[in-house]
Amino acid sequence: MPTISMFFGILIRMFFNEHAPPHFHAEYSEFKAVIDIQTLEVIEGKLPRRALELVLDWAELHQAELMEDWELCRKHVEPRPIEPLQ
């Protein structure tokens, strides 16, 4: 699973040829969540409140890039890195 971004100890990843809806995986310490790219809702798992806020702020800024990476992963092409939250 390629890591497409990393910030404040949070890893953002996508699997190749993943199932719909378009989503990404966020990991922070022992916590994991799956976030829908279009709605920015948690569809599986959980993160601590502050980590989730950071992930959602970042995702909102990079929604178009996340969709582009989603399409690349669906084609088994390495996704492009996305700038971390600063």
N, C-alpha and C. Protein backbone atom coordinates (compact mmCIF):
# COMPACT_ATOMS: atom_id res chain seq x y z
N MET A 1 0.86 -1.17 0.00
CA MET A 1 0.00 0.00 0.00
C MET A 1 0.91 1.23 0.00
N PRO A 2 0.91 2.02 -1.08
CA PRO A 2 1.74 3.21 -1.15
C PRO A 2 1.33 4.29 -0.13
N THR A 3 2.32 4.92 0.45
CA THR A 3 2.09 6.08 1.32
C THR A 3 2.15 7.31 0.44
N ILE A 4 1.08 8.11 0.45
CA ILE A 4 1.03 9.28 -0.43
C ILE A 4 1.32 10.58 0.31
N SER A 5 1.22 10.55 1.65
CA SER A 5 1.55 11.73 2.44
C SER A 5 1.79 11.32 3.88
N MET A 6 2.53 12.18 4.59
CA MET A 6 2.85 11.94 5.98
C MET A 6 2.96 13.29 6.68
N PHE A 7 2.27 13.46 7.81
CA PHE A 7 2.36 14.70 8.57
C PHE A 7 1.92 14.46 10.01
N PHE A 8 2.63 15.08 10.93
CA PHE A 8 2.31 15.00 12.37
C PHE A 8 2.11 13.56 12.86
N GLY A 9 2.91 12.65 12.33
CA GLY A 9 2.81 11.25 12.74
C GLY A 9 1.67 10.48 12.09
N ILE A 10 1.00 11.10 11.13
CA ILE A 10 -0.14 10.47 10.44
C ILE A 10 0.33 10.01 9.06
N LEU A 11 0.02 8.76 8.71
CA LEU A 11 0.32 8.24 7.38
C LEU A 11 -0.96 8.19 6.57
N ILE A 12 -0.87 8.64 5.31
CA ILE A 12 -2.00 8.59 4.39
C ILE A 12 -1.61 7.61 3.28
N ARG A 13 -2.45 6.59 3.10
CA ARG A 13 -2.13 5.53 2.14
C ARG A 13 -3.33 5.17 1.27
N MET A 14 -3.02 4.52 0.14
CA MET A 14 -4.06 3.96 -0.74
C MET A 14 -3.61 2.58 -1.18
N PHE A 15 -4.56 1.69 -1.34
CA PHE A 15 -4.29 0.37 -1.90
C PHE A 15 -4.43 0.43 -3.41
N PHE A 16 -3.74 -0.48 -4.10
CA PHE A 16 -3.94 -0.64 -5.54
C PHE A 16 -5.24 -1.39 -5.79
N ASN A 17 -5.95 -1.01 -6.87
CA ASN A 17 -7.17 -1.69 -7.31
C ASN A 17 -8.17 -1.89 -6.18
N GLU A 18 -8.45 -0.84 -5.45
CA GLU A 18 -9.33 -0.86 -4.28
C GLU A 18 -10.79 -0.79 -4.69
N HIS A 19 -11.66 -1.20 -3.80
CA HIS A 19 -13.10 -1.18 -4.02
C HIS A 19 -13.67 0.23 -3.85
N ALA A 20 -14.84 0.47 -4.45
CA ALA A 20 -15.53 1.76 -4.30
C ALA A 20 -16.14 1.82 -2.90
N PRO A 21 -16.44 2.98 -2.39
CA PRO A 21 -16.27 4.31 -2.95
C PRO A 21 -14.80 4.75 -2.87
N PRO A 22 -14.43 5.78 -3.65
CA PRO A 22 -13.06 6.29 -3.59
C PRO A 22 -12.72 6.69 -2.14
N HIS A 23 -11.59 6.18 -1.65
CA HIS A 23 -11.23 6.44 -0.26
C HIS A 23 -9.72 6.34 -0.06
N PHE A 24 -9.28 6.76 1.11
CA PHE A 24 -7.89 6.60 1.50
C PHE A 24 -7.85 6.10 2.93
N HIS A 25 -6.69 5.59 3.31
CA HIS A 25 -6.48 5.06 4.66
C HIS A 25 -5.60 6.02 5.43
N ALA A 26 -5.98 6.33 6.65
CA ALA A 26 -5.19 7.18 7.53
C ALA A 26 -4.80 6.36 8.75
N GLU A 27 -3.52 6.43 9.13
CA GLU A 27 -3.02 5.70 10.29
C GLU A 27 -2.32 6.65 11.22
N TYR A 28 -2.63 6.52 12.49
CA TYR A 28 -1.98 7.33 13.52
C TYR A 28 -1.80 6.44 14.74
N SER A 29 -0.54 6.14 15.06
CA SER A 29 -0.23 5.23 16.16
C SER A 29 -0.96 3.91 15.91
N GLU A 30 -1.72 3.42 16.88
CA GLU A 30 -2.43 2.16 16.68
C GLU A 30 -3.81 2.34 16.05
N PHE A 31 -4.17 3.57 15.72
CA PHE A 31 -5.49 3.88 15.16
C PHE A 31 -5.45 3.87 13.64
N LYS A 32 -6.54 3.40 13.04
CA LYS A 32 -6.67 3.37 11.58
C LYS A 32 -8.09 3.77 11.20
N ALA A 33 -8.20 4.52 10.11
CA ALA A 33 -9.52 4.90 9.61
C ALA A 33 -9.49 4.92 8.08
N VAL A 34 -10.64 4.67 7.51
CA VAL A 34 -10.83 4.76 6.06
C VAL A 34 -11.74 5.96 5.83
N ILE A 35 -11.30 6.88 4.97
CA ILE A 35 -12.02 8.13 4.73
C ILE A 35 -12.50 8.19 3.28
N ASP A 36 -13.78 8.46 3.09
CA ASP A 36 -14.36 8.63 1.76
C ASP A 36 -13.84 9.95 1.19
N ILE A 37 -13.26 9.92 0.00
CA ILE A 37 -12.66 11.13 -0.59
C ILE A 37 -13.73 12.15 -0.95
N GLN A 38 -14.87 11.72 -1.44
CA GLN A 38 -15.88 12.66 -1.91
C GLN A 38 -16.66 13.31 -0.78
N THR A 39 -16.98 12.53 0.26
CA THR A 39 -17.79 13.08 1.36
C THR A 39 -16.96 13.49 2.57
N LEU A 40 -15.70 13.03 2.61
CA LEU A 40 -14.79 13.26 3.74
C LEU A 40 -15.38 12.74 5.05
N GLU A 41 -16.05 11.60 4.95
CA GLU A 41 -16.60 10.92 6.13
C GLU A 41 -15.79 9.66 6.42
N VAL A 42 -15.69 9.33 7.69
CA VAL A 42 -15.05 8.08 8.09
C VAL A 42 -16.01 6.94 7.76
N ILE A 43 -15.55 5.99 6.95
CA ILE A 43 -16.41 4.88 6.58
C ILE A 43 -16.01 3.59 7.30
N GLU A 44 -14.86 3.64 7.99
CA GLU A 44 -14.43 2.47 8.76
C GLU A 44 -13.34 2.90 9.73
N GLY A 45 -13.33 2.32 10.90
CA GLY A 45 -12.29 2.59 11.89
C GLY A 45 -12.49 3.91 12.61
N LYS A 46 -11.41 4.35 13.28
CA LYS A 46 -11.47 5.63 13.98
C LYS A 46 -10.08 6.16 14.24
N LEU A 47 -10.02 7.47 14.45
CA LEU A 47 -8.79 8.18 14.83
C LEU A 47 -9.12 9.05 16.03
N PRO A 48 -8.11 9.41 16.81
CA PRO A 48 -8.36 10.39 17.87
C PRO A 48 -8.87 11.69 17.25
N ARG A 49 -9.68 12.42 18.00
CA ARG A 49 -10.35 13.62 17.49
C ARG A 49 -9.38 14.58 16.80
N ARG A 50 -8.28 14.93 17.43
CA ARG A 50 -7.35 15.91 16.85
C ARG A 50 -6.72 15.37 15.56
N ALA A 51 -6.33 14.11 15.56
CA ALA A 51 -5.75 13.50 14.35
C ALA A 51 -6.78 13.50 13.22
N LEU A 52 -8.02 13.17 13.54
CA LEU A 52 -9.07 13.17 12.51
C LEU A 52 -9.28 14.57 11.95
N GLU A 53 -9.29 15.57 12.80
CA GLU A 53 -9.44 16.96 12.33
C GLU A 53 -8.32 17.33 11.37
N LEU A 54 -7.09 16.94 11.69
CA LEU A 54 -5.95 17.23 10.81
C LEU A 54 -6.11 16.52 9.47
N VAL A 55 -6.50 15.26 9.51
CA VAL A 55 -6.67 14.49 8.28
C VAL A 55 -7.76 15.10 7.41
N LEU A 56 -8.87 15.47 8.01
CA LEU A 56 -9.97 16.05 7.22
C LEU A 56 -9.61 17.43 6.67
N ASP A 57 -8.89 18.24 7.43
CA ASP A 57 -8.42 19.54 6.92
C ASP A 57 -7.52 19.32 5.72
N TRP A 58 -6.58 18.38 5.84
CA TRP A 58 -5.66 18.08 4.75
C TRP A 58 -6.42 17.56 3.53
N ALA A 59 -7.35 16.62 3.76
CA ALA A 59 -8.09 16.02 2.64
C ALA A 59 -8.92 17.05 1.90
N GLU A 60 -9.51 17.99 2.63
CA GLU A 60 -10.30 19.02 1.98
C GLU A 60 -9.44 19.87 1.04
N LEU A 61 -8.22 20.14 1.46
CA LEU A 61 -7.30 20.93 0.63
C LEU A 61 -6.83 20.16 -0.61
N HIS A 62 -6.82 18.84 -0.53
CA HIS A 62 -6.22 18.02 -1.59
C HIS A 62 -7.20 17.02 -2.20
N GLN A 63 -8.47 17.33 -2.16
CA GLN A 63 -9.49 16.41 -2.66
C GLN A 63 -9.28 16.03 -4.13
N ALA A 64 -8.97 17.00 -4.96
CA ALA A 64 -8.76 16.71 -6.39
C ALA A 64 -7.55 15.80 -6.59
N GLU A 65 -6.48 16.06 -5.87
CA GLU A 65 -5.27 15.22 -5.97
C GLU A 65 -5.54 13.81 -5.45
N LEU A 66 -6.33 13.71 -4.40
CA LEU A 66 -6.69 12.39 -3.88
C LEU A 66 -7.48 11.60 -4.91
N MET A 67 -8.39 12.25 -5.62
CA MET A 67 -9.15 11.56 -6.67
C MET A 67 -8.24 11.12 -7.81
N GLU A 68 -7.28 11.97 -8.15
CA GLU A 68 -6.31 11.59 -9.20
C GLU A 68 -5.51 10.37 -8.76
N ASP A 69 -5.04 10.37 -7.52
CA ASP A 69 -4.29 9.23 -7.00
C ASP A 69 -5.17 7.98 -6.94
N TRP A 70 -6.43 8.15 -6.58
CA TRP A 70 -7.37 7.03 -6.55
C TRP A 70 -7.42 6.36 -7.92
N GLU A 71 -7.56 7.19 -8.97
CA GLU A 71 -7.64 6.65 -10.33
C GLU A 71 -6.34 5.96 -10.72
N LEU A 72 -5.20 6.51 -10.33
CA LEU A 72 -3.92 5.87 -10.62
C LEU A 72 -3.84 4.50 -9.94
N CYS A 73 -4.21 4.45 -8.68
CA CYS A 73 -4.16 3.17 -7.95
C CYS A 73 -5.09 2.14 -8.55
N ARG A 74 -6.24 2.57 -9.02
CA ARG A 74 -7.19 1.64 -9.66
C ARG A 74 -6.56 1.00 -10.90
N LYS A 75 -5.61 1.71 -11.53
CA LYS A 75 -4.93 1.22 -12.72
C LYS A 75 -3.60 0.56 -12.39
N HIS A 76 -3.33 0.35 -11.10
CA HIS A 76 -2.07 -0.24 -10.63
C HIS A 76 -0.87 0.61 -11.00
N VAL A 77 -1.07 1.92 -11.00
CA VAL A 77 0.01 2.88 -11.27
C VAL A 77 0.35 3.56 -9.94
N GLU A 78 1.62 3.74 -9.68
CA GLU A 78 2.08 4.37 -8.44
C GLU A 78 1.46 5.77 -8.30
N PRO A 79 0.79 6.04 -7.18
CA PRO A 79 0.20 7.37 -6.99
C PRO A 79 1.27 8.43 -6.75
N ARG A 80 0.92 9.66 -7.00
CA ARG A 80 1.84 10.77 -6.78
C ARG A 80 1.78 11.20 -5.31
N PRO A 81 2.93 11.58 -4.75
CA PRO A 81 2.92 12.12 -3.38
C PRO A 81 2.09 13.40 -3.32
N ILE A 82 1.46 13.63 -2.19
CA ILE A 82 0.67 14.84 -1.97
C ILE A 82 1.31 15.61 -0.82
N GLU A 83 1.42 16.90 -0.99
CA GLU A 83 2.06 17.75 0.01
C GLU A 83 1.42 17.55 1.39
N PRO A 84 2.25 17.44 2.41
CA PRO A 84 1.70 17.24 3.76
C PRO A 84 1.10 18.52 4.31
N LEU A 85 0.32 18.36 5.36
CA LEU A 85 -0.23 19.49 6.08
C LEU A 85 0.91 20.15 6.85
N GLN A 86 0.93 21.48 6.84
CA GLN A 86 2.02 22.18 7.55
C GLN A 86 1.49 23.14 8.56
